[in-house]
Amino acid sequence: MKDEGCPTCGSKNFGILEIENDLKGLSKWKMHCYNCNKFWYSSHQQIYEE
């Protein structure tokens, strides 16, 4: 995960509330900023190695 911070205030003080996975290996993370109390979603590609 890239640690870019909150898109609203730029704070690095945030947490992940939930992670939703789909069948294509993509996950949608619901993020919460503790500084400005905003919520946003971040998408991540999961890479599986065999």
N, C-alpha and C. Protein backbone atom coordinates (compact mmCIF):
# COMPACT_ATOMS: atom_id res chain seq x y z
N MET A 1 0.83 -1.18 0.00
CA MET A 1 0.00 0.00 0.00
C MET A 1 0.87 1.24 0.00
N LYS A 2 0.55 2.19 -0.84
CA LYS A 2 1.24 3.47 -0.81
C LYS A 2 0.72 4.27 0.38
N ASP A 3 1.62 4.92 1.08
CA ASP A 3 1.22 5.71 2.24
C ASP A 3 1.17 7.18 1.83
N GLU A 4 0.11 7.55 1.10
CA GLU A 4 -0.02 8.90 0.57
C GLU A 4 -0.72 9.83 1.53
N GLY A 5 -1.37 9.30 2.53
CA GLY A 5 -2.08 10.13 3.48
C GLY A 5 -3.50 10.46 3.04
N CYS A 6 -4.16 11.23 3.86
CA CYS A 6 -5.54 11.62 3.59
C CYS A 6 -5.61 12.54 2.38
N PRO A 7 -6.53 12.28 1.42
CA PRO A 7 -6.64 13.15 0.25
C PRO A 7 -7.20 14.54 0.58
N THR A 8 -7.83 14.69 1.74
CA THR A 8 -8.40 15.98 2.13
C THR A 8 -7.39 16.86 2.85
N CYS A 9 -6.76 16.31 3.91
CA CYS A 9 -5.86 17.15 4.72
C CYS A 9 -4.39 16.73 4.63
N GLY A 10 -4.11 15.56 4.02
CA GLY A 10 -2.73 15.10 3.85
C GLY A 10 -2.14 14.41 5.06
N SER A 11 -2.94 14.22 6.11
CA SER A 11 -2.45 13.59 7.34
C SER A 11 -2.13 12.12 7.10
N LYS A 12 -1.09 11.63 7.76
CA LYS A 12 -0.74 10.21 7.70
C LYS A 12 -1.40 9.44 8.85
N ASN A 13 -2.21 10.13 9.65
CA ASN A 13 -2.87 9.53 10.80
C ASN A 13 -4.25 9.02 10.38
N PHE A 14 -4.27 7.82 9.76
CA PHE A 14 -5.53 7.25 9.29
C PHE A 14 -5.52 5.75 9.52
N GLY A 15 -6.70 5.15 9.42
CA GLY A 15 -6.82 3.71 9.61
C GLY A 15 -7.71 3.10 8.56
N ILE A 16 -7.65 1.78 8.47
CA ILE A 16 -8.47 1.02 7.53
C ILE A 16 -9.66 0.46 8.30
N LEU A 17 -10.88 0.80 7.88
CA LEU A 17 -12.07 0.32 8.56
C LEU A 17 -12.53 -1.03 8.05
N GLU A 18 -12.50 -1.21 6.74
CA GLU A 18 -12.92 -2.49 6.16
C GLU A 18 -12.25 -2.70 4.82
N ILE A 19 -12.14 -3.97 4.45
CA ILE A 19 -11.56 -4.34 3.16
C ILE A 19 -12.55 -5.26 2.46
N GLU A 20 -12.95 -4.90 1.23
CA GLU A 20 -13.84 -5.72 0.42
C GLU A 20 -13.04 -6.29 -0.74
N ASN A 21 -13.09 -7.59 -0.94
CA ASN A 21 -12.37 -8.25 -2.04
C ASN A 21 -13.36 -8.69 -3.11
N ASP A 22 -12.93 -8.62 -4.36
CA ASP A 22 -13.76 -9.16 -5.44
C ASP A 22 -13.07 -10.38 -6.06
N LEU A 23 -13.71 -10.98 -7.05
CA LEU A 23 -13.20 -12.22 -7.64
C LEU A 23 -12.00 -11.99 -8.55
N LYS A 24 -11.73 -10.75 -8.95
CA LYS A 24 -10.62 -10.46 -9.85
C LYS A 24 -9.32 -10.16 -9.11
N GLY A 25 -9.34 -10.26 -7.79
CA GLY A 25 -8.13 -9.98 -7.01
C GLY A 25 -7.98 -8.53 -6.62
N LEU A 26 -9.00 -7.72 -6.87
CA LEU A 26 -8.95 -6.32 -6.45
C LEU A 26 -9.59 -6.18 -5.08
N SER A 27 -9.07 -5.28 -4.29
CA SER A 27 -9.67 -5.02 -3.00
C SER A 27 -9.94 -3.53 -2.86
N LYS A 28 -11.07 -3.20 -2.23
CA LYS A 28 -11.45 -1.81 -1.99
C LYS A 28 -11.34 -1.57 -0.49
N TRP A 29 -10.49 -0.63 -0.10
CA TRP A 29 -10.26 -0.36 1.31
C TRP A 29 -10.99 0.91 1.71
N LYS A 30 -11.80 0.84 2.78
CA LYS A 30 -12.45 2.03 3.32
C LYS A 30 -11.52 2.62 4.37
N MET A 31 -11.05 3.84 4.13
CA MET A 31 -10.09 4.49 5.00
C MET A 31 -10.78 5.58 5.82
N HIS A 32 -10.24 5.85 7.01
CA HIS A 32 -10.77 6.89 7.90
C HIS A 32 -9.63 7.73 8.43
N CYS A 33 -9.70 9.04 8.21
CA CYS A 33 -8.68 9.96 8.72
C CYS A 33 -9.04 10.36 10.14
N TYR A 34 -8.11 10.17 11.06
CA TYR A 34 -8.36 10.55 12.46
C TYR A 34 -8.16 12.05 12.68
N ASN A 35 -7.51 12.73 11.74
CA ASN A 35 -7.24 14.16 11.89
C ASN A 35 -8.46 15.00 11.50
N CYS A 36 -8.99 14.79 10.28
CA CYS A 36 -10.13 15.60 9.81
C CYS A 36 -11.44 14.82 9.80
N ASN A 37 -11.40 13.53 10.18
CA ASN A 37 -12.58 12.67 10.32
C ASN A 37 -13.30 12.41 9.00
N LYS A 38 -12.56 12.42 7.87
CA LYS A 38 -13.14 12.12 6.56
C LYS A 38 -12.96 10.64 6.24
N PHE A 39 -13.77 10.14 5.31
CA PHE A 39 -13.69 8.77 4.83
C PHE A 39 -13.39 8.79 3.34
N TRP A 40 -12.65 7.79 2.87
CA TRP A 40 -12.40 7.65 1.44
C TRP A 40 -12.12 6.19 1.14
N TYR A 41 -12.16 5.85 -0.15
CA TYR A 41 -11.89 4.48 -0.59
C TYR A 41 -10.60 4.45 -1.40
N SER A 42 -9.87 3.38 -1.23
CA SER A 42 -8.63 3.16 -1.96
C SER A 42 -8.68 1.76 -2.55
N SER A 43 -8.33 1.62 -3.83
CA SER A 43 -8.32 0.31 -4.48
C SER A 43 -6.90 -0.24 -4.55
N HIS A 44 -6.78 -1.53 -4.36
CA HIS A 44 -5.47 -2.18 -4.37
C HIS A 44 -5.54 -3.47 -5.16
N GLN A 45 -4.50 -3.74 -5.91
CA GLN A 45 -4.38 -4.99 -6.66
C GLN A 45 -3.60 -5.98 -5.81
N GLN A 46 -4.19 -7.14 -5.58
CA GLN A 46 -3.49 -8.18 -4.84
C GLN A 46 -2.74 -9.05 -5.83
N ILE A 47 -1.46 -9.25 -5.59
CA ILE A 47 -0.63 -10.06 -6.47
C ILE A 47 -0.34 -11.38 -5.77
N TYR A 48 -0.72 -12.46 -6.42
CA TYR A 48 -0.51 -13.78 -5.85
C TYR A 48 0.67 -14.44 -6.56
N GLU A 49 1.60 -14.94 -5.79
CA GLU A 49 2.75 -15.63 -6.36
C GLU A 49 2.64 -17.11 -6.04
N GLU A 50 3.02 -17.94 -6.99
CA GLU A 50 2.97 -19.39 -6.78
C GLU A 50 4.35 -19.94 -6.54
